[in-house]
Amino acid sequence: MFLMTLIMGTIITISSQSWMGTWMGLEINLLSFIPLINSKNNPLSSESSIKYFLVQSMASSIFLFSIIMIMIKSKTTNELLFYNKSMMIFMNSTLLMKLGAAPFHFWFPEIIEGLSWMNSLILMTWQKIAPFMVISYIIKFNSFITMIIITCSLIGSIGGLNQISLRKILVYSSINHIGWMLSTFLINEITWIMYFMIYCMISLSIIIILNQYKIFFIKQIFSMNNNNNMNKFFMFMSLLSLGGLPPFLGFFPKWMIIQTLSNYNYLLLLFMMTMTLITLFFYMRLCYSSMMILNNENNFLMMMNKNNKNNLMTNMMLFISINGLIMYPIFMNFY
């Protein structure tokens, strides 16, 4: 039930023709997600749900305040005249806080630690759709948005270097991707849709394996039995794809952004590429170290059942995320 209202809240936000309707959709989305992450068996999930509610409700309050103030000046509820720069910064800031974009990311790594892998996937993918779509309506590339892109790239790459939690590593990678996604609005919304779809597919392929083996920390990867090396290999190829290593699928949306952004802001593009290389570095370090270290200890994890229904979906998602050379012409037909 709550999953259906979660989807409905996002649809209301996207399809609403008034800003009050947009705000209502965001609130429905918020109130639907909290019961999903709250679990009686996990005290950390209760703490995460409270933190999530406080942060998101604060962002929603400021968002509503910004709408009211701009509507007072523009005398309309549908088309806002965005000439009040300070109010526009407030509105963008609240949406960026809902996304978990740096420097408003303080809640993101803390909350993710109390969530299951499936709830983490929802938070890193579906929960970004509504704020991103609202941002696309009002975004104007100025010094503020440029600063946000730079901050997301910096925090997303540096923050993941010394992490031992895989959930936090994926969170900081998500923050880095937010910077790239914001830059796609300089091109068109189709590019953002393609980037976001590819990001969701790769994230899903990674989290399916991590959830299947109940892996939450790096040391648990080292403890996997050597018979699972093929699954390790597939997962790490997906991680490299998420980091944007060619010729994997995750590289191609970045390639499209590089081709366009080089004509607008070369220094910003150079900085984003450098920070992405740092992100790719800790993925490669994780891959090499865990694949090279042989562990002869008994595996404390259950082996994957050959009849597991998730195997078909896992293999399909891994095939899509890894074989970028095959999928790239398909995506280019829509570009």
C-alpha atoms as a PDB file:
ATOM      1  CA  MET A   1       0.000   0.000   0.000  1.00  0.00           C
ATOM      2  CA  PHE A   2       2.715   2.449   1.002  1.00  0.00           C
ATOM      3  CA  LEU A   3       4.687   1.587  -2.124  1.00  0.00           C
ATOM      4  CA  MET A   4       1.691   2.506  -4.271  1.00  0.00           C
ATOM      5  CA  THR A   5       1.230   5.853  -2.496  1.00  0.00           C
ATOM      6  CA  LEU A   6       4.971   6.454  -2.875  1.00  0.00           C
ATOM      7  CA  ILE A   7       4.640   6.052  -6.634  1.00  0.00           C
ATOM      8  CA  MET A   8       1.470   8.149  -6.640  1.00  0.00           C
ATOM      9  CA  GLY A   9       3.206  10.996  -4.789  1.00  0.00           C
ATOM     10  CA  THR A  10       5.952  11.118  -7.404  1.00  0.00           C
ATOM     11  CA  ILE A  11       3.425  11.073 -10.256  1.00  0.00           C
ATOM     12  CA  ILE A  12       1.435  13.903  -8.640  1.00  0.00           C
ATOM     13  CA  THR A  13       4.601  15.991  -8.294  1.00  0.00           C
ATOM     14  CA  ILE A  14       5.608  15.478 -11.920  1.00  0.00           C
ATOM     15  CA  SER A  15       2.164  15.986 -13.451  1.00  0.00           C
ATOM     16  CA  SER A  16       0.904  18.820 -11.252  1.00  0.00           C
ATOM     17  CA  GLN A  17       0.215  22.137 -12.987  1.00  0.00           C
ATOM     18  CA  SER A  18       0.324  24.179  -9.784  1.00  0.00           C
ATOM     19  CA  TRP A  19       3.114  24.634  -7.280  1.00  0.00           C
ATOM     20  CA  MET A  20       0.852  23.771  -4.361  1.00  0.00           C
ATOM     21  CA  GLY A  21       0.071  20.475  -6.085  1.00  0.00           C
ATOM     22  CA  THR A  22       3.790  19.896  -6.506  1.00  0.00           C
ATOM     23  CA  TRP A  23       4.325  20.462  -2.793  1.00  0.00           C
ATOM     24  CA  MET A  24       1.473  18.078  -1.935  1.00  0.00           C
ATOM     25  CA  GLY A  25       3.008  15.386  -4.140  1.00  0.00           C
ATOM     26  CA  LEU A  26       6.346  15.757  -2.365  1.00  0.00           C
ATOM     27  CA  GLU A  27       4.604  15.420   1.012  1.00  0.00           C
ATOM     28  CA  ILE A  28       2.718  12.289  -0.053  1.00  0.00           C
ATOM     29  CA  ASN A  29       6.009  10.850  -1.242  1.00  0.00           C
ATOM     30  CA  LEU A  30       7.655  11.665   2.104  1.00  0.00           C
ATOM     31  CA  LEU A  31       4.870  10.240   4.283  1.00  0.00           C
ATOM     32  CA  SER A  32       4.742   7.061   2.182  1.00  0.00           C
ATOM     33  CA  PHE A  33       8.462   6.331   2.407  1.00  0.00           C
ATOM     34  CA  ILE A  34       8.746   6.604   6.206  1.00  0.00           C
ATOM     35  CA  PRO A  35       6.631   3.469   6.949  1.00  0.00           C
ATOM     36  CA  LEU A  36       8.672   1.546   4.375  1.00  0.00           C
ATOM     37  CA  ILE A  37      11.980   2.221   6.124  1.00  0.00           C
ATOM     38  CA  ASN A  38      10.668   1.824   9.681  1.00  0.00           C
ATOM     39  CA  SER A  39      11.164  -1.676  11.064  1.00  0.00           C
ATOM     40  CA  LYS A  40      10.484  -3.009  14.560  1.00  0.00           C
ATOM     41  CA  ASN A  41      13.294  -5.537  14.254  1.00  0.00           C
ATOM     42  CA  ASN A  42      15.947  -2.931  13.478  1.00  0.00           C
ATOM     43  CA  PRO A  43      16.359  -0.014  15.918  1.00  0.00           C
ATOM     44  CA  LEU A  44      18.624   1.781  13.443  1.00  0.00           C
ATOM     45  CA  SER A  45      15.781   1.935  10.932  1.00  0.00           C
ATOM     46  CA  SER A  46      13.584   3.749  13.460  1.00  0.00           C
ATOM     47  CA  GLU A  47      16.355   6.267  14.036  1.00  0.00           C
ATOM     48  CA  SER A  48      16.813   6.683  10.288  1.00  0.00           C
ATOM     49  CA  SER A  49      13.084   7.224   9.743  1.00  0.00           C
ATOM     50  CA  ILE A  50      13.002   9.982  12.386  1.00  0.00           C
ATOM     51  CA  LYS A  51      16.063  11.704  10.899  1.00  0.00           C
ATOM     52  CA  TYR A  52      14.627  11.420   7.413  1.00  0.00           C
ATOM     53  CA  PHE A  53      11.308  12.893   8.520  1.00  0.00           C
ATOM     54  CA  LEU A  54      12.947  15.848  10.302  1.00  0.00           C
ATOM     55  CA  VAL A  55      15.228  16.731   7.387  1.00  0.00           C
ATOM     56  CA  GLN A  56      12.595  16.319   4.693  1.00  0.00           C
ATOM     57  CA  SER A  57       9.899  18.161   6.657  1.00  0.00           C
ATOM     58  CA  MET A  58      12.282  21.072   7.219  1.00  0.00           C
ATOM     59  CA  ALA A  59      13.062  21.171   3.498  1.00  0.00           C
ATOM     60  CA  SER A  60       9.346  20.988   2.649  1.00  0.00           C
ATOM     61  CA  SER A  61       8.551  23.863   5.023  1.00  0.00           C
ATOM     62  CA  ILE A  62      11.162  26.115   3.426  1.00  0.00           C
ATOM     63  CA  PHE A  63       9.981  25.042  -0.036  1.00  0.00           C
ATOM     64  CA  LEU A  64       6.388  25.972   0.842  1.00  0.00           C
ATOM     65  CA  PHE A  65       7.544  29.292   2.311  1.00  0.00           C
ATOM     66  CA  SER A  66       9.442  30.079  -0.908  1.00  0.00           C
ATOM     67  CA  ILE A  67       6.385  29.260  -3.026  1.00  0.00           C
ATOM     68  CA  ILE A  68       4.144  31.512  -0.930  1.00  0.00           C
ATOM     69  CA  MET A  69       6.597  34.420  -1.006  1.00  0.00           C
ATOM     70  CA  ILE A  70       7.060  34.207  -4.781  1.00  0.00           C
ATOM     71  CA  MET A  71       3.307  33.832  -5.355  1.00  0.00           C
ATOM     72  CA  ILE A  72       2.689  36.997  -3.330  1.00  0.00           C
ATOM     73  CA  LYS A  73       4.961  38.890  -5.701  1.00  0.00           C
ATOM     74  CA  SER A  74       3.813  37.232  -8.926  1.00  0.00           C
ATOM     75  CA  LYS A  75       0.074  37.222  -8.028  1.00  0.00           C
ATOM     76  CA  THR A  76      -0.447  33.751  -9.509  1.00  0.00           C
ATOM     77  CA  THR A  77      -0.386  30.151  -8.351  1.00  0.00           C
ATOM     78  CA  ASN A  78       0.651  28.476 -11.593  1.00  0.00           C
ATOM     79  CA  GLU A  79       3.317  30.566 -13.304  1.00  0.00           C
ATOM     80  CA  LEU A  80       5.817  32.070 -10.929  1.00  0.00           C
ATOM     81  CA  LEU A  81       7.804  35.092 -12.010  1.00  0.00           C
ATOM     82  CA  PHE A  82      11.263  34.155 -10.831  1.00  0.00           C
ATOM     83  CA  TYR A  83      12.736  37.577 -10.323  1.00  0.00           C
ATOM     84  CA  ASN A  84      13.396  37.230  -6.605  1.00  0.00           C
ATOM     85  CA  LYS A  85      16.880  35.757  -6.609  1.00  0.00           C
ATOM     86  CA  SER A  86      17.046  35.018  -2.878  1.00  0.00           C
ATOM     87  CA  MET A  87      13.734  33.125  -2.933  1.00  0.00           C
ATOM     88  CA  MET A  88      14.892  31.115  -5.929  1.00  0.00           C
ATOM     89  CA  ILE A  89      18.069  30.137  -4.086  1.00  0.00           C
ATOM     90  CA  PHE A  90      15.949  29.027  -1.123  1.00  0.00           C
ATOM     91  CA  MET A  91      13.709  26.955  -3.391  1.00  0.00           C
ATOM     92  CA  ASN A  92      16.636  25.308  -5.158  1.00  0.00           C
ATOM     93  CA  SER A  93      18.353  24.651  -1.826  1.00  0.00           C
ATOM     94  CA  THR A  94      15.352  22.807  -0.408  1.00  0.00           C
ATOM     95  CA  LEU A  95      15.099  20.590  -3.474  1.00  0.00           C
ATOM     96  CA  LEU A  96      18.826  19.913  -3.354  1.00  0.00           C
ATOM     97  CA  MET A  97      18.447  18.990   0.322  1.00  0.00           C
ATOM     98  CA  LYS A  98      15.730  16.514  -0.610  1.00  0.00           C
ATOM     99  CA  LEU A  99      18.103  15.033  -3.189  1.00  0.00           C
ATOM    100  CA  GLY A 100      20.964  14.756  -0.727  1.00  0.00           C
ATOM    101  CA  ALA A 101      23.195  16.947  -2.877  1.00  0.00           C
ATOM    102  CA  ALA A 102      26.300  18.481  -1.314  1.00  0.00           C
ATOM    103  CA  PRO A 103      26.613  20.641   0.752  1.00  0.00           C
ATOM    104  CA  PHE A 104      23.126  19.611   1.956  1.00  0.00           C
ATOM    105  CA  HIS A 105      24.120  15.949   2.173  1.00  0.00           C
ATOM    106  CA  PHE A 106      24.712  15.765   5.942  1.00  0.00           C
ATOM    107  CA  TRP A 107      21.712  13.452   6.479  1.00  0.00           C
ATOM    108  CA  PHE A 108      22.269  11.113   3.538  1.00  0.00           C
ATOM    109  CA  PRO A 109      25.189   8.905   4.769  1.00  0.00           C
ATOM    110  CA  GLU A 110      23.766   8.714   8.291  1.00  0.00           C
ATOM    111  CA  ILE A 111      20.287   7.619   7.271  1.00  0.00           C
ATOM    112  CA  ILE A 112      21.463   5.048   4.739  1.00  0.00           C
ATOM    113  CA  GLU A 113      23.227   3.029   7.463  1.00  0.00           C
ATOM    114  CA  GLY A 114      19.903   2.112   9.060  1.00  0.00           C
ATOM    115  CA  LEU A 115      18.217   0.952   5.859  1.00  0.00           C
ATOM    116  CA  SER A 116      18.024  -2.375   4.095  1.00  0.00           C
ATOM    117  CA  TRP A 117      19.498  -2.669   0.620  1.00  0.00           C
ATOM    118  CA  MET A 118      16.114  -2.438  -1.096  1.00  0.00           C
ATOM    119  CA  ASN A 119      15.143   0.694   0.842  1.00  0.00           C
ATOM    120  CA  SER A 120      18.587   2.124   0.102  1.00  0.00           C
ATOM    121  CA  LEU A 121      17.952   1.503  -3.596  1.00  0.00           C
ATOM    122  CA  ILE A 122      14.634   3.366  -3.408  1.00  0.00           C
ATOM    123  CA  LEU A 123      16.277   6.276  -1.603  1.00  0.00           C
ATOM    124  CA  MET A 124      19.125   6.522  -4.121  1.00  0.00           C
ATOM    125  CA  THR A 125      16.937   6.180  -7.217  1.00  0.00           C
ATOM    126  CA  TRP A 126      13.160   6.625  -7.041  1.00  0.00           C
ATOM    127  CA  GLN A 127      13.241   9.313  -4.351  1.00  0.00           C
ATOM    128  CA  LYS A 128      15.354  11.509  -6.627  1.00  0.00           C
ATOM    129  CA  ILE A 129      12.855  11.636  -9.489  1.00  0.00           C
ATOM    130  CA  ALA A 130      10.419  14.204  -8.063  1.00  0.00           C
ATOM    131  CA  PRO A 131      13.038  16.728  -6.798  1.00  0.00           C
ATOM    132  CA  PHE A 132      15.003  16.467 -10.043  1.00  0.00           C
ATOM    133  CA  MET A 133      11.912  17.101 -12.153  1.00  0.00           C
ATOM    134  CA  VAL A 134      10.978  20.163 -10.083  1.00  0.00           C
ATOM    135  CA  ILE A 135      14.551  21.448 -10.373  1.00  0.00           C
ATOM    136  CA  SER A 136      14.347  21.047 -14.153  1.00  0.00           C
ATOM    137  CA  TYR A 137      11.389  23.480 -14.187  1.00  0.00           C
ATOM    138  CA  ILE A 138      13.222  26.272 -12.394  1.00  0.00           C
ATOM    139  CA  ILE A 139      16.934  25.679 -12.913  1.00  0.00           C
ATOM    140  CA  LYS A 140      19.034  28.490 -14.320  1.00  0.00           C
ATOM    141  CA  PHE A 141      22.731  27.978 -14.729  1.00  0.00           C
ATOM    142  CA  ASN A 142      24.355  30.583 -12.549  1.00  0.00           C
ATOM    143  CA  SER A 143      27.137  30.718  -9.997  1.00  0.00           C
ATOM    144  CA  PHE A 144      24.952  28.979  -7.384  1.00  0.00           C
ATOM    145  CA  ILE A 145      24.245  25.887  -9.504  1.00  0.00           C
ATOM    146  CA  THR A 146      27.866  25.782 -10.655  1.00  0.00           C
ATOM    147  CA  MET A 147      28.985  25.824  -7.018  1.00  0.00           C
ATOM    148  CA  ILE A 148      26.589  22.958  -6.214  1.00  0.00           C
ATOM    149  CA  ILE A 149      27.959  20.872  -9.105  1.00  0.00           C
ATOM    150  CA  ILE A 150      31.539  21.478  -7.940  1.00  0.00           C
ATOM    151  CA  THR A 151      30.663  20.658  -4.323  1.00  0.00           C
ATOM    152  CA  CYS A 152      28.847  17.453  -5.285  1.00  0.00           C
ATOM    153  CA  SER A 153      31.800  16.306  -7.378  1.00  0.00           C
ATOM    154  CA  LEU A 154      34.277  17.095  -4.597  1.00  0.00           C
ATOM    155  CA  ILE A 155      32.340  15.651  -1.643  1.00  0.00           C
ATOM    156  CA  GLY A 156      31.184  12.631  -3.634  1.00  0.00           C
ATOM    157  CA  SER A 157      34.733  11.641  -4.538  1.00  0.00           C
ATOM    158  CA  ILE A 158      36.662  12.544  -1.378  1.00  0.00           C
ATOM    159  CA  GLY A 159      33.966  11.318   1.021  1.00  0.00           C
ATOM    160  CA  GLY A 160      34.085   7.734  -0.209  1.00  0.00           C
ATOM    161  CA  LEU A 161      37.839   7.228   0.054  1.00  0.00           C
ATOM    162  CA  ASN A 162      38.093   6.044   3.675  1.00  0.00           C
ATOM    163  CA  GLN A 163      34.719   4.326   3.993  1.00  0.00           C
ATOM    164  CA  ILE A 164      34.371   0.674   4.985  1.00  0.00           C
ATOM    165  CA  SER A 165      30.579   0.592   4.620  1.00  0.00           C
ATOM    166  CA  LEU A 166      29.400  -0.293   1.123  1.00  0.00           C
ATOM    167  CA  ARG A 167      26.185   1.640   1.665  1.00  0.00           C
ATOM    168  CA  LYS A 168      28.141   4.824   2.397  1.00  0.00           C
ATOM    169  CA  ILE A 169      30.403   4.207  -0.597  1.00  0.00           C
ATOM    170  CA  LEU A 170      27.345   4.018  -2.854  1.00  0.00           C
ATOM    171  CA  VAL A 171      25.888   7.122  -1.183  1.00  0.00           C
ATOM    172  CA  TYR A 172      28.978   9.209  -1.911  1.00  0.00           C
ATOM    173  CA  SER A 173      29.013   7.834  -5.435  1.00  0.00           C
ATOM    174  CA  SER A 174      25.375   8.940  -5.714  1.00  0.00           C
ATOM    175  CA  ILE A 175      26.343  12.444  -4.574  1.00  0.00           C
ATOM    176  CA  ASN A 176      28.998  12.546  -7.285  1.00  0.00           C
ATOM    177  CA  HIS A 177      26.411  11.449  -9.854  1.00  0.00           C
ATOM    178  CA  ILE A 178      24.043  14.210  -8.691  1.00  0.00           C
ATOM    179  CA  GLY A 179      26.628  16.745  -9.853  1.00  0.00           C
ATOM    180  CA  TRP A 180      26.739  15.135 -13.291  1.00  0.00           C
ATOM    181  CA  MET A 181      22.941  14.932 -13.463  1.00  0.00           C
ATOM    182  CA  LEU A 182      22.587  18.624 -12.636  1.00  0.00           C
ATOM    183  CA  SER A 183      24.951  19.427 -15.489  1.00  0.00           C
ATOM    184  CA  THR A 184      22.737  17.452 -17.907  1.00  0.00           C
ATOM    185  CA  PHE A 185      20.077  20.163 -17.612  1.00  0.00           C
ATOM    186  CA  LEU A 186      22.489  22.381 -19.525  1.00  0.00           C
ATOM    187  CA  ILE A 187      21.890  20.054 -22.487  1.00  0.00           C
ATOM    188  CA  ASN A 188      18.275  18.857 -22.337  1.00  0.00           C
ATOM    189  CA  GLU A 189      15.944  16.761 -20.210  1.00  0.00           C
ATOM    190  CA  ILE A 190      16.316  13.732 -22.491  1.00  0.00           C
ATOM    191  CA  THR A 191      19.984  13.495 -21.531  1.00  0.00           C
ATOM    192  CA  TRP A 192      19.029  13.556 -17.853  1.00  0.00           C
ATOM    193  CA  ILE A 193      16.465  10.791 -18.392  1.00  0.00           C
ATOM    194  CA  MET A 194      19.047   8.621 -20.162  1.00  0.00           C
ATOM    195  CA  TYR A 195      21.658   9.268 -17.467  1.00  0.00           C
ATOM    196  CA  PHE A 196      19.204   8.539 -14.658  1.00  0.00           C
ATOM    197  CA  MET A 197      17.934   5.332 -16.286  1.00  0.00           C
ATOM    198  CA  ILE A 198      21.471   4.028 -16.747  1.00  0.00           C
ATOM    199  CA  TYR A 199      22.366   4.976 -13.165  1.00  0.00           C
ATOM    200  CA  CYS A 200      19.285   3.120 -11.866  1.00  0.00           C
ATOM    201  CA  MET A 201      20.046  -0.012 -13.900  1.00  0.00           C
ATOM    202  CA  ILE A 202      23.647  -0.196 -12.717  1.00  0.00           C
ATOM    203  CA  SER A 203      22.701   0.507  -9.088  1.00  0.00           C
ATOM    204  CA  LEU A 204      20.032  -2.198  -9.244  1.00  0.00           C
ATOM    205  CA  SER A 205      22.470  -4.774 -10.619  1.00  0.00           C
ATOM    206  CA  ILE A 206      24.926  -4.043  -7.782  1.00  0.00           C
ATOM    207  CA  ILE A 207      22.386  -3.968  -4.966  1.00  0.00           C
ATOM    208  CA  ILE A 208      20.714  -7.211  -6.094  1.00  0.00           C
ATOM    209  CA  ILE A 209      23.974  -9.094  -5.458  1.00  0.00           C
ATOM    210  CA  LEU A 210      24.767  -7.254  -2.216  1.00  0.00           C
ATOM    211  CA  ASN A 211      21.268  -7.927  -0.920  1.00  0.00           C
ATOM    212  CA  GLN A 212      21.374 -11.561  -1.999  1.00  0.00           C
ATOM    213  CA  TYR A 213      24.527 -12.222   0.020  1.00  0.00           C
ATOM    214  CA  LYS A 214      23.676  -9.762   2.820  1.00  0.00           C
ATOM    215  CA  ILE A 215      26.929  -7.851   2.321  1.00  0.00           C
ATOM    216  CA  PHE A 216      27.126  -4.453   4.000  1.00  0.00           C
ATOM    217  CA  PHE A 217      30.853  -3.944   4.657  1.00  0.00           C
ATOM    218  CA  ILE A 218      34.050  -4.397   2.665  1.00  0.00           C
ATOM    219  CA  LYS A 219      35.390  -7.084   5.016  1.00  0.00           C
ATOM    220  CA  GLN A 220      32.393  -9.269   4.188  1.00  0.00           C
ATOM    221  CA  ILE A 221      33.467  -9.295   0.539  1.00  0.00           C
ATOM    222  CA  PHE A 222      36.882 -10.620   1.599  1.00  0.00           C
ATOM    223  CA  SER A 223      35.126 -13.359   3.591  1.00  0.00           C
ATOM    224  CA  MET A 224      33.230 -14.652   0.583  1.00  0.00           C
ATOM    225  CA  ASN A 225      34.164 -18.150  -0.475  1.00  0.00           C
ATOM    226  CA  ASN A 226      36.437 -18.473  -3.496  1.00  0.00           C
ATOM    227  CA  ASN A 227      33.619 -20.298  -5.297  1.00  0.00           C
ATOM    228  CA  ASN A 228      31.839 -16.953  -5.442  1.00  0.00           C
ATOM    229  CA  ASN A 229      34.592 -15.263  -7.426  1.00  0.00           C
ATOM    230  CA  MET A 230      32.424 -15.141 -10.544  1.00  0.00           C
ATOM    231  CA  ASN A 231      29.761 -13.219  -8.656  1.00  0.00           C
ATOM    232  CA  LYS A 232      32.478 -10.966  -7.258  1.00  0.00           C
ATOM    233  CA  PHE A 233      33.698 -10.348 -10.784  1.00  0.00           C
ATOM    234  CA  PHE A 234      30.240  -9.416 -12.082  1.00  0.00           C
ATOM    235  CA  MET A 235      29.598  -7.123  -9.135  1.00  0.00           C
ATOM    236  CA  PHE A 236      32.912  -5.342  -9.536  1.00  0.00           C
ATOM    237  CA  MET A 237      32.387  -4.884 -13.246  1.00  0.00           C
ATOM    238  CA  SER A 238      29.122  -3.169 -12.360  1.00  0.00           C
ATOM    239  CA  LEU A 239      30.966  -0.991  -9.832  1.00  0.00           C
ATOM    240  CA  LEU A 240      33.451   0.039 -12.509  1.00  0.00           C
ATOM    241  CA  SER A 241      30.530   0.773 -14.813  1.00  0.00           C
ATOM    242  CA  LEU A 242      28.979   2.928 -12.083  1.00  0.00           C
ATOM    243  CA  GLY A 243      32.299   4.745 -11.775  1.00  0.00           C
ATOM    244  CA  GLY A 244      32.230   5.565 -15.488  1.00  0.00           C
ATOM    245  CA  LEU A 245      35.046   3.390 -16.790  1.00  0.00           C
ATOM    246  CA  PRO A 246      34.945   2.847 -20.577  1.00  0.00           C
ATOM    247  CA  PRO A 247      33.731   0.792 -22.370  1.00  0.00           C
ATOM    248  CA  PHE A 248      31.055  -0.012 -19.786  1.00  0.00           C
ATOM    249  CA  LEU A 249      27.561   1.411 -20.007  1.00  0.00           C
ATOM    250  CA  GLY A 250      28.119   3.942 -17.212  1.00  0.00           C
ATOM    251  CA  PHE A 251      30.720   5.762 -19.297  1.00  0.00           C
ATOM    252  CA  PHE A 252      28.427   6.755 -22.164  1.00  0.00           C
ATOM    253  CA  PRO A 253      26.145   9.291 -20.418  1.00  0.00           C
ATOM    254  CA  LYS A 254      29.296  10.972 -19.125  1.00  0.00           C
ATOM    255  CA  TRP A 255      30.666  10.965 -22.659  1.00  0.00           C
ATOM    256  CA  MET A 256      27.581  12.816 -23.922  1.00  0.00           C
ATOM    257  CA  ILE A 257      27.939  15.401 -21.150  1.00  0.00           C
ATOM    258  CA  ILE A 258      31.655  15.812 -21.883  1.00  0.00           C
ATOM    259  CA  GLN A 259      30.964  16.474 -25.565  1.00  0.00           C
ATOM    260  CA  THR A 260      28.439  19.212 -24.770  1.00  0.00           C
ATOM    261  CA  LEU A 261      29.893  20.755 -21.621  1.00  0.00           C
ATOM    262  CA  SER A 262      33.288  21.249 -23.269  1.00  0.00           C
ATOM    263  CA  ASN A 263      31.673  24.023 -25.324  1.00  0.00           C
ATOM    264  CA  TYR A 264      30.282  25.833 -22.272  1.00  0.00           C
ATOM    265  CA  ASN A 265      32.565  25.497 -19.272  1.00  0.00           C
ATOM    266  CA  TYR A 266      35.810  23.670 -19.889  1.00  0.00           C
ATOM    267  CA  LEU A 267      37.233  24.213 -16.381  1.00  0.00           C
ATOM    268  CA  LEU A 268      34.092  22.850 -14.710  1.00  0.00           C
ATOM    269  CA  LEU A 269      34.216  19.791 -16.948  1.00  0.00           C
ATOM    270  CA  LEU A 270      37.894  19.210 -16.167  1.00  0.00           C
ATOM    271  CA  PHE A 271      37.199  19.394 -12.425  1.00  0.00           C
ATOM    272  CA  MET A 272      34.271  16.958 -12.668  1.00  0.00           C
ATOM    273  CA  MET A 273      36.341  14.478 -14.664  1.00  0.00           C
ATOM    274  CA  THR A 274      39.188  14.662 -12.140  1.00  0.00           C
ATOM    275  CA  MET A 275      36.845  14.013  -9.218  1.00  0.00           C
ATOM    276  CA  THR A 276      35.251  11.102 -11.076  1.00  0.00           C
ATOM    277  CA  LEU A 277      38.695   9.549 -11.484  1.00  0.00           C
ATOM    278  CA  ILE A 278      39.056   9.621  -7.693  1.00  0.00           C
ATOM    279  CA  THR A 279      35.705   7.846  -7.379  1.00  0.00           C
ATOM    280  CA  LEU A 280      36.852   5.282  -9.909  1.00  0.00           C
ATOM    281  CA  PHE A 281      40.078   4.848  -7.925  1.00  0.00           C
ATOM    282  CA  PHE A 282      38.423   3.584  -4.747  1.00  0.00           C
ATOM    283  CA  TYR A 283      36.212   1.273  -6.803  1.00  0.00           C
ATOM    284  CA  MET A 284      39.258  -0.199  -8.546  1.00  0.00           C
ATOM    285  CA  ARG A 285      41.137  -0.479  -5.251  1.00  0.00           C
ATOM    286  CA  LEU A 286      38.201  -2.395  -3.797  1.00  0.00           C
ATOM    287  CA  CYS A 287      38.009  -4.660  -6.847  1.00  0.00           C
ATOM    288  CA  TYR A 288      41.686  -5.515  -7.067  1.00  0.00           C
ATOM    289  CA  SER A 289      42.213  -6.095  -3.357  1.00  0.00           C
ATOM    290  CA  SER A 290      39.212  -8.388  -2.904  1.00  0.00           C
ATOM    291  CA  MET A 291      39.839 -10.361  -6.100  1.00  0.00           C
ATOM    292  CA  MET A 292      43.552 -10.863  -5.418  1.00  0.00           C
ATOM    293  CA  ILE A 293      43.203 -11.902  -1.771  1.00  0.00           C
ATOM    294  CA  LEU A 294      42.338 -15.605  -1.590  1.00  0.00           C
ATOM    295  CA  ASN A 295      40.332 -16.659   1.418  1.00  0.00           C
ATOM    296  CA  ASN A 296      40.252 -20.320   2.404  1.00  0.00           C
ATOM    297  CA  GLU A 297      37.949 -19.832   5.359  1.00  0.00           C
ATOM    298  CA  ASN A 298      34.462 -21.252   5.372  1.00  0.00           C
ATOM    299  CA  ASN A 299      31.937 -18.959   3.858  1.00  0.00           C
ATOM    300  CA  PHE A 300      29.523 -17.615   6.451  1.00  0.00           C
ATOM    301  CA  LEU A 301      27.155 -16.626   3.681  1.00  0.00           C
ATOM    302  CA  MET A 302      24.693 -18.930   1.982  1.00  0.00           C
ATOM    303  CA  MET A 303      25.619 -19.979  -1.503  1.00  0.00           C
ATOM    304  CA  MET A 304      23.387 -18.801  -4.286  1.00  0.00           C
ATOM    305  CA  ASN A 305      20.713 -21.348  -5.052  1.00  0.00           C
ATOM    306  CA  LYS A 306      20.649 -22.371  -8.705  1.00  0.00           C
ATOM    307  CA  ASN A 307      16.877 -22.247  -8.643  1.00  0.00           C
ATOM    308  CA  ASN A 308      16.774 -18.776  -7.139  1.00  0.00           C
ATOM    309  CA  LYS A 309      14.286 -16.621  -9.003  1.00  0.00           C
ATOM    310  CA  ASN A 310      16.599 -13.624  -8.631  1.00  0.00           C
ATOM    311  CA  ASN A 311      19.312 -15.244 -10.777  1.00  0.00           C
ATOM    312  CA  LEU A 312      17.634 -14.431 -14.085  1.00  0.00           C
ATOM    313  CA  MET A 313      17.066 -10.811 -13.115  1.00  0.00           C
ATOM    314  CA  THR A 314      20.584 -10.531 -11.684  1.00  0.00           C
ATOM    315  CA  ASN A 315      22.205 -11.864 -14.850  1.00  0.00           C
ATOM    316  CA  MET A 316      20.048  -9.635 -17.022  1.00  0.00           C
ATOM    317  CA  MET A 317      20.912  -6.471 -15.078  1.00  0.00           C
ATOM    318  CA  LEU A 318      24.604  -7.379 -15.012  1.00  0.00           C
ATOM    319  CA  PHE A 319      24.583  -7.976 -18.766  1.00  0.00           C
ATOM    320  CA  ILE A 320      22.996  -4.572 -19.383  1.00  0.00           C
ATOM    321  CA  SER A 321      25.312  -2.659 -17.055  1.00  0.00           C
ATOM    322  CA  ILE A 322      28.516  -4.323 -18.243  1.00  0.00           C
ATOM    323  CA  ASN A 323      27.990  -4.538 -22.005  1.00  0.00           C
ATOM    324  CA  GLY A 324      28.074  -0.854 -22.751  1.00  0.00           C
ATOM    325  CA  LEU A 325      29.359  -1.328 -26.285  1.00  0.00           C
ATOM    326  CA  ILE A 326      26.236  -3.307 -27.158  1.00  0.00           C
ATOM    327  CA  MET A 327      23.747  -0.998 -25.447  1.00  0.00           C
ATOM    328  CA  TYR A 328      25.309   2.289 -26.545  1.00  0.00           C
ATOM    329  CA  PRO A 329      23.864   2.364 -30.122  1.00  0.00           C
ATOM    330  CA  ILE A 330      20.390   1.709 -28.689  1.00  0.00           C
ATOM    331  CA  PHE A 331      20.616   4.728 -26.394  1.00  0.00           C
ATOM    332  CA  MET A 332      22.128   6.899 -29.113  1.00  0.00           C
ATOM    333  CA  ASN A 333      19.008   6.378 -31.246  1.00  0.00           C
ATOM    334  CA  PHE A 334      17.069   8.356 -28.633  1.00  0.00           C
ATOM    335  CA  TYR A 335      19.686  11.073 -28.208  1.00  0.00           C
END
